[in-house]
């Protein structure tokens, strides 16, 4: 008798299909705060083997809609703009774009800056969130992405596109920055977050 949506954006889309508003309930995904919580960054970095310097993190299935290629181009813009030797990007996940992303790392000269970690058990993600300075999500479509909520639970601010329910999660400047889905916009928003 009722339809459940994970975000208001999805509820609005369902209503647009002709389902009465009163029959739609919004129940967003939650996060287990007994597992995802703030830890000292230096301890987290030791756990994951992350070198010193500012670190960006992105997690997801390696598909085109997640925008990992856009993040790499944004990283290249930031490195050229800031002349920052220590800025790095860690991508956790696996999927059909793996080979293409590996080639992009080489073609952009980012082999010292981008680390493609591969798939990782969910219980190991807390250390990565805590090790990062900024979590980035450049998706062109989303529901209510758990990775954003998990990152915030670990105290790591977010730079993300305005896809799906993300604006409902990142709804204040102390939580992060919403940005357009282009390398230059991402680079500018990441730079703002790092500062």
Protein backbone atom coordinates (compact mmCIF):
# COMPACT_ATOMS: atom_id res chain seq x y z
CA UNK A 1 0.00 0.00 0.00
CA UNK A 2 3.00 2.32 0.45
CA UNK A 3 6.08 3.04 -1.61
CA UNK A 4 9.37 3.66 0.20
CA UNK A 5 12.00 6.02 -1.19
CA UNK A 6 15.50 6.63 0.19
CA UNK A 7 15.49 10.35 -0.61
CA UNK A 8 13.06 13.19 -1.21
CA UNK A 9 14.43 13.47 -4.76
CA UNK A 10 13.42 9.86 -5.42
CA UNK A 11 10.05 10.41 -3.72
CA UNK A 12 9.42 13.37 -6.03
CA UNK A 13 10.29 11.22 -9.06
CA UNK A 14 7.92 8.48 -7.87
CA UNK A 15 5.16 11.05 -7.37
CA UNK A 16 5.83 12.19 -10.95
CA UNK A 17 4.92 8.68 -12.08
CA UNK A 18 1.44 9.15 -10.67
CA UNK A 19 1.78 7.67 -7.19
CA UNK A 20 -0.11 9.73 -4.61
CA UNK A 21 2.17 11.71 -2.30
CA UNK A 22 0.43 10.25 0.77
CA UNK A 23 1.45 6.74 -0.29
CA UNK A 24 5.18 7.58 -0.45
CA UNK A 25 7.38 7.36 2.63
CA UNK A 26 10.96 8.66 2.70
CA UNK A 27 13.23 6.48 4.82
CA UNK A 28 16.88 7.37 4.14
CA UNK A 29 19.70 4.87 4.55
CA UNK A 30 21.33 5.00 7.95
CA UNK A 31 24.86 4.47 9.16
CA UNK A 32 26.10 2.35 12.05
CA UNK A 33 27.82 4.98 14.21
CA UNK A 34 29.17 2.28 16.50
CA UNK A 35 31.36 1.31 13.55
CA UNK A 36 31.81 4.48 11.48
CA UNK A 37 33.23 7.16 13.78
CA UNK A 38 36.05 9.67 14.05
CA UNK A 39 39.55 8.32 14.76
CA UNK A 40 42.89 10.18 14.83
CA UNK A 41 44.00 10.77 11.25
CA UNK A 42 47.63 9.85 11.87
CA UNK A 43 46.63 6.45 13.30
CA UNK A 44 44.29 5.81 10.36
CA UNK A 45 47.02 6.73 7.87
CA UNK A 46 49.39 4.24 9.48
CA UNK A 47 46.73 1.51 9.26
CA UNK A 48 46.18 2.02 5.53
CA UNK A 49 49.76 2.91 4.59
CA UNK A 50 48.94 6.38 3.31
CA UNK A 51 51.86 8.75 2.89
CA UNK A 52 51.92 12.29 4.26
CA UNK A 53 50.22 15.11 2.40
CA UNK A 54 46.61 15.88 1.59
CA UNK A 55 44.54 12.86 0.56
CA UNK A 56 41.32 12.64 -1.43
CA UNK A 57 39.21 9.48 -1.22
CA UNK A 58 36.51 8.10 -3.48
CA UNK A 59 34.71 4.78 -3.16
CA UNK A 60 32.38 2.98 -5.53
CA UNK A 61 31.87 0.57 -8.38
CA UNK A 62 34.24 1.54 -11.19
CA UNK A 63 31.63 2.57 -13.75
CA UNK A 64 31.40 5.66 -15.92
CA UNK A 65 28.52 7.22 -13.97
CA UNK A 66 30.68 7.45 -10.81
CA UNK A 67 33.02 9.99 -12.41
CA UNK A 68 36.38 8.61 -11.25
CA UNK A 69 37.88 9.83 -14.53
CA UNK A 70 36.60 13.34 -13.76
CA UNK A 71 38.25 13.18 -10.34
CA UNK A 72 41.57 12.25 -11.94
CA UNK A 73 41.33 15.19 -14.32
CA UNK A 74 40.42 17.44 -11.37
CA UNK A 75 43.46 16.13 -9.48
CA UNK A 76 45.69 16.97 -12.46
CA UNK A 77 44.25 20.52 -12.53
CA UNK A 78 44.92 20.92 -8.81
CA UNK A 79 48.48 19.62 -9.06
CA UNK A 80 49.23 21.99 -11.94
CA UNK A 81 47.56 24.92 -10.17
CA UNK A 82 48.95 24.37 -6.67
CA UNK A 83 52.30 22.75 -7.55
CA UNK A 84 51.48 20.47 -4.62
CA UNK A 85 53.83 17.50 -4.53
CA UNK A 86 51.88 15.68 -1.83
CA UNK A 87 48.26 15.78 -3.07
CA UNK A 88 46.97 12.25 -3.72
CA UNK A 89 43.78 10.41 -4.67
CA UNK A 90 42.77 6.97 -3.41
CA UNK A 91 40.01 5.10 -5.24
CA UNK A 92 38.48 2.01 -3.63
CA UNK A 93 36.38 -0.30 -5.79
CA UNK A 94 36.39 -2.55 -8.78
CA UNK A 95 34.43 -2.68 -11.99
CA UNK A 96 34.43 -2.48 -15.77
CA UNK A 97 36.38 0.82 -15.96
CA UNK A 98 39.41 -0.56 -14.09
CA UNK A 99 41.62 -0.84 -17.18
CA UNK A 100 40.54 2.51 -18.58
CA UNK A 101 41.25 4.23 -15.25
CA UNK A 102 44.68 2.58 -15.04
CA UNK A 103 45.48 3.91 -18.52
CA UNK A 104 44.24 7.37 -17.56
CA UNK A 105 46.57 7.40 -14.53
CA UNK A 106 49.49 6.79 -16.88
CA UNK A 107 48.39 9.24 -19.60
CA UNK A 108 47.91 12.04 -17.05
CA UNK A 109 51.24 11.25 -15.36
CA UNK A 110 49.52 10.53 -12.05
CA UNK A 111 51.12 7.18 -11.21
CA UNK A 112 52.69 8.74 -8.08
CA UNK A 113 49.41 10.45 -7.10
CA UNK A 114 46.58 7.98 -7.72
CA UNK A 115 46.18 4.70 -5.89
CA UNK A 116 43.60 2.25 -7.21
CA UNK A 117 43.12 0.00 -4.19
CA UNK A 118 40.55 -2.40 -5.66
CA UNK A 119 37.65 -3.96 -3.81
CA UNK A 120 37.73 -3.86 -0.03
CA UNK A 121 35.58 -5.41 2.69
CA UNK A 122 33.12 -2.90 4.13
CA UNK A 123 34.52 -3.29 7.65
CA UNK A 124 37.89 -1.90 6.48
CA UNK A 125 36.52 1.38 5.11
CA UNK A 126 36.48 3.30 8.42
CA UNK A 127 40.28 3.61 8.45
CA UNK A 128 40.26 4.98 4.88
CA UNK A 129 37.57 7.58 5.65
CA UNK A 130 39.55 8.71 8.69
CA UNK A 131 42.84 8.80 6.77
CA UNK A 132 41.41 11.09 4.06
CA UNK A 133 41.17 14.88 4.16
CA UNK A 134 38.22 15.04 1.77
CA UNK A 135 35.83 12.41 0.43
CA UNK A 136 34.82 12.97 -3.22
CA UNK A 137 31.84 11.62 -5.14
CA UNK A 138 31.43 12.74 -8.76
CA UNK A 139 28.38 10.65 -9.69
CA UNK A 140 25.88 11.68 -12.34
CA UNK A 141 23.10 9.73 -10.58
CA UNK A 142 22.65 8.39 -7.05
CA UNK A 143 19.98 7.41 -4.58
CA UNK A 144 21.10 8.06 -1.00
CA UNK A 145 24.77 7.06 -1.16
CA UNK A 146 25.95 5.28 1.99
CA UNK A 147 29.54 6.36 1.31
CA UNK A 148 28.62 10.00 1.89
CA UNK A 149 26.92 9.26 5.20
CA UNK A 150 29.76 6.97 6.31
CA UNK A 151 32.35 9.61 5.45
CA UNK A 152 30.53 12.26 7.46
CA UNK A 153 30.15 9.86 10.40
CA UNK A 154 33.95 9.59 10.37
CA UNK A 155 34.29 13.38 10.37
CA UNK A 156 35.57 13.60 6.79
CA UNK A 157 34.01 16.43 4.76
CA UNK A 158 32.53 15.71 1.35
CA UNK A 159 32.81 17.25 -2.09
CA UNK A 160 30.04 15.79 -4.24
CA UNK A 161 27.84 16.44 -7.22
CA UNK A 162 24.19 17.38 -6.75
CA UNK A 163 22.97 13.92 -7.83
CA UNK A 164 19.97 12.20 -6.23
CA UNK A 165 19.76 12.51 -2.45
CA UNK A 166 23.25 13.98 -1.99
CA UNK A 167 21.94 17.56 -1.48
CA UNK A 168 19.72 16.21 1.31
CA UNK A 169 22.80 14.79 3.07
CA UNK A 170 25.32 17.56 2.37
CA UNK A 171 22.96 20.33 3.40
CA UNK A 172 25.33 22.62 5.31
CA UNK A 173 28.76 24.08 4.57
CA UNK A 174 30.43 22.33 7.53
CA UNK A 175 29.47 18.96 5.98
CA UNK A 176 30.93 19.66 2.57
CA UNK A 177 30.51 21.27 -0.79
CA UNK A 178 28.10 20.48 -3.61
CA UNK A 179 29.59 21.04 -7.04
CA UNK A 180 28.98 20.73 -10.75
CA UNK A 181 30.13 17.56 -12.53
CA UNK A 182 33.11 18.91 -14.49
CA UNK A 183 36.85 18.56 -13.79
CA UNK A 184 37.26 22.33 -13.28
CA UNK A 185 34.28 22.63 -10.93
CA UNK A 186 35.44 19.58 -8.97
CA UNK A 187 38.98 20.96 -8.75
CA UNK A 188 37.71 24.30 -7.46
CA UNK A 189 35.45 22.71 -4.88
CA UNK A 190 38.17 20.30 -3.71
CA UNK A 191 40.62 23.18 -3.39
CA UNK A 192 38.06 25.12 -1.35
CA UNK A 193 37.51 22.09 0.91
CA UNK A 194 41.26 21.56 1.40
CA UNK A 195 41.67 25.19 2.44
